[in-house]
């Protein structure tokens, strides 16, 4: 099972990286945030697989969608804050939206 622990004594480092003036530290924060979102999404999927999580499925789907979009977006940002994806890479934003709409309304 995926274990994710934030070291509380190093939490200030994440905050400093987020508000830093240095580009390298801001990029490192974005990568860390992307990894946190991806890990949380995987943890939720594992909790669902083992029937540990008992929340409304629509809420879980929306949370997973938001975490996956945040993971993709922050992982693909470069140091100039521009998305470095080819046109077909934007399908990662469109297709999950269509799938969620289909699940929620049909």
Protein backbone atom coordinates (compact mmCIF):
# COMPACT_ATOMS: atom_id res chain seq x y z
CA UNK A 1 0.00 0.00 0.00
CA UNK A 2 1.20 3.47 -0.84
CA UNK A 3 2.33 5.35 2.25
CA UNK A 4 2.62 9.13 2.14
CA UNK A 5 3.92 10.99 5.16
CA UNK A 6 4.68 14.70 5.25
CA UNK A 7 7.52 15.39 7.60
CA UNK A 8 6.09 18.18 9.73
CA UNK A 9 9.50 19.46 10.74
CA UNK A 10 10.24 20.13 7.03
CA UNK A 11 6.85 21.63 6.16
CA UNK A 12 8.29 25.13 6.29
CA UNK A 13 10.57 24.23 3.35
CA UNK A 14 7.52 23.71 1.11
CA UNK A 15 6.09 27.07 2.12
CA UNK A 16 9.42 28.84 1.54
CA UNK A 17 9.73 27.19 -1.90
CA UNK A 18 6.21 28.30 -2.84
CA UNK A 19 6.83 31.99 -2.12
CA UNK A 20 10.46 32.11 -3.17
CA UNK A 21 11.87 34.60 -5.65
CA UNK A 22 14.25 32.00 -7.11
CA UNK A 23 12.85 30.23 -10.15
CA UNK A 24 14.46 26.90 -9.28
CA UNK A 25 12.79 26.76 -5.88
CA UNK A 26 9.37 27.61 -7.33
CA UNK A 27 9.77 24.88 -9.97
CA UNK A 28 10.77 22.42 -7.24
CA UNK A 29 7.64 23.36 -5.26
CA UNK A 30 5.45 22.75 -8.31
CA UNK A 31 7.01 19.32 -8.82
CA UNK A 32 6.51 18.49 -5.13
CA UNK A 33 2.89 19.65 -5.32
CA UNK A 34 2.39 17.52 -8.42
CA UNK A 35 3.79 14.46 -6.67
CA UNK A 36 1.62 15.10 -3.61
CA UNK A 37 -1.51 15.33 -5.78
CA UNK A 38 -0.61 12.14 -7.66
CA UNK A 39 0.13 10.26 -4.45
CA UNK A 40 -3.12 11.37 -2.82
CA UNK A 41 -5.04 10.24 -5.91
CA UNK A 42 -3.37 6.83 -5.80
CA UNK A 43 -4.11 6.51 -2.10
CA UNK A 44 -7.80 7.25 -2.69
CA UNK A 45 -7.90 4.65 -5.47
CA UNK A 46 -6.33 2.06 -3.17
CA UNK A 47 -8.79 2.87 -0.39
CA UNK A 48 -11.62 2.37 -2.88
CA UNK A 49 -10.14 -0.91 -4.11
CA UNK A 50 -9.97 -2.34 -0.58
CA UNK A 51 -13.47 -0.97 0.33
CA UNK A 52 -12.09 1.18 3.15
CA UNK A 53 -13.55 4.44 1.85
CA UNK A 54 -17.32 4.82 2.17
CA UNK A 55 -18.13 8.26 0.79
CA UNK A 56 -20.50 9.23 -2.00
CA UNK A 57 -18.97 8.05 -5.27
CA UNK A 58 -19.70 11.33 -7.06
CA UNK A 59 -17.61 13.25 -4.54
CA UNK A 60 -14.76 10.77 -4.87
CA UNK A 61 -14.83 11.04 -8.66
CA UNK A 62 -14.67 14.84 -8.53
CA UNK A 63 -11.80 14.80 -6.02
CA UNK A 64 -9.87 12.29 -8.13
CA UNK A 65 -10.50 14.41 -11.21
CA UNK A 66 -9.18 17.55 -9.52
CA UNK A 67 -6.13 15.74 -8.15
CA UNK A 68 -5.31 14.25 -11.54
CA UNK A 69 -5.67 17.59 -13.34
CA UNK A 70 -3.48 19.30 -10.74
CA UNK A 71 -0.90 16.52 -11.04
CA UNK A 72 -0.77 16.79 -14.82
CA UNK A 73 -0.76 20.59 -14.87
CA UNK A 74 1.98 21.13 -12.28
CA UNK A 75 4.15 18.34 -13.64
CA UNK A 76 4.14 19.80 -17.16
CA UNK A 77 4.83 23.44 -16.25
CA UNK A 78 8.29 24.68 -17.12
CA UNK A 79 10.30 27.40 -15.43
CA UNK A 80 8.52 30.07 -17.50
CA UNK A 81 5.10 28.84 -16.24
CA UNK A 82 4.10 27.58 -19.67
CA UNK A 83 2.62 24.17 -20.38
CA UNK A 84 5.04 22.09 -22.41
CA UNK A 85 2.63 19.67 -24.04
CA UNK A 86 1.77 18.93 -27.63
CA UNK A 87 -1.80 19.57 -28.83
CA UNK A 88 -2.84 15.97 -28.12
CA UNK A 89 -1.61 16.42 -24.55
CA UNK A 90 -4.61 18.63 -23.88
CA UNK A 91 -6.80 15.55 -24.23
CA UNK A 92 -5.76 14.79 -20.65
CA UNK A 93 -7.93 17.76 -19.65
CA UNK A 94 -10.85 17.05 -21.98
CA UNK A 95 -11.37 13.27 -21.83
CA UNK A 96 -11.62 12.97 -18.03
CA UNK A 97 -14.15 15.80 -18.05
CA UNK A 98 -16.29 13.95 -20.57
CA UNK A 99 -15.97 10.70 -18.60
CA UNK A 100 -17.01 12.39 -15.36
CA UNK A 101 -19.99 14.07 -16.99
CA UNK A 102 -21.05 10.72 -18.41
CA UNK A 103 -20.72 9.05 -14.99
CA UNK A 104 -22.56 11.77 -13.10
CA UNK A 105 -25.43 12.42 -15.50
CA UNK A 106 -26.05 9.09 -17.30
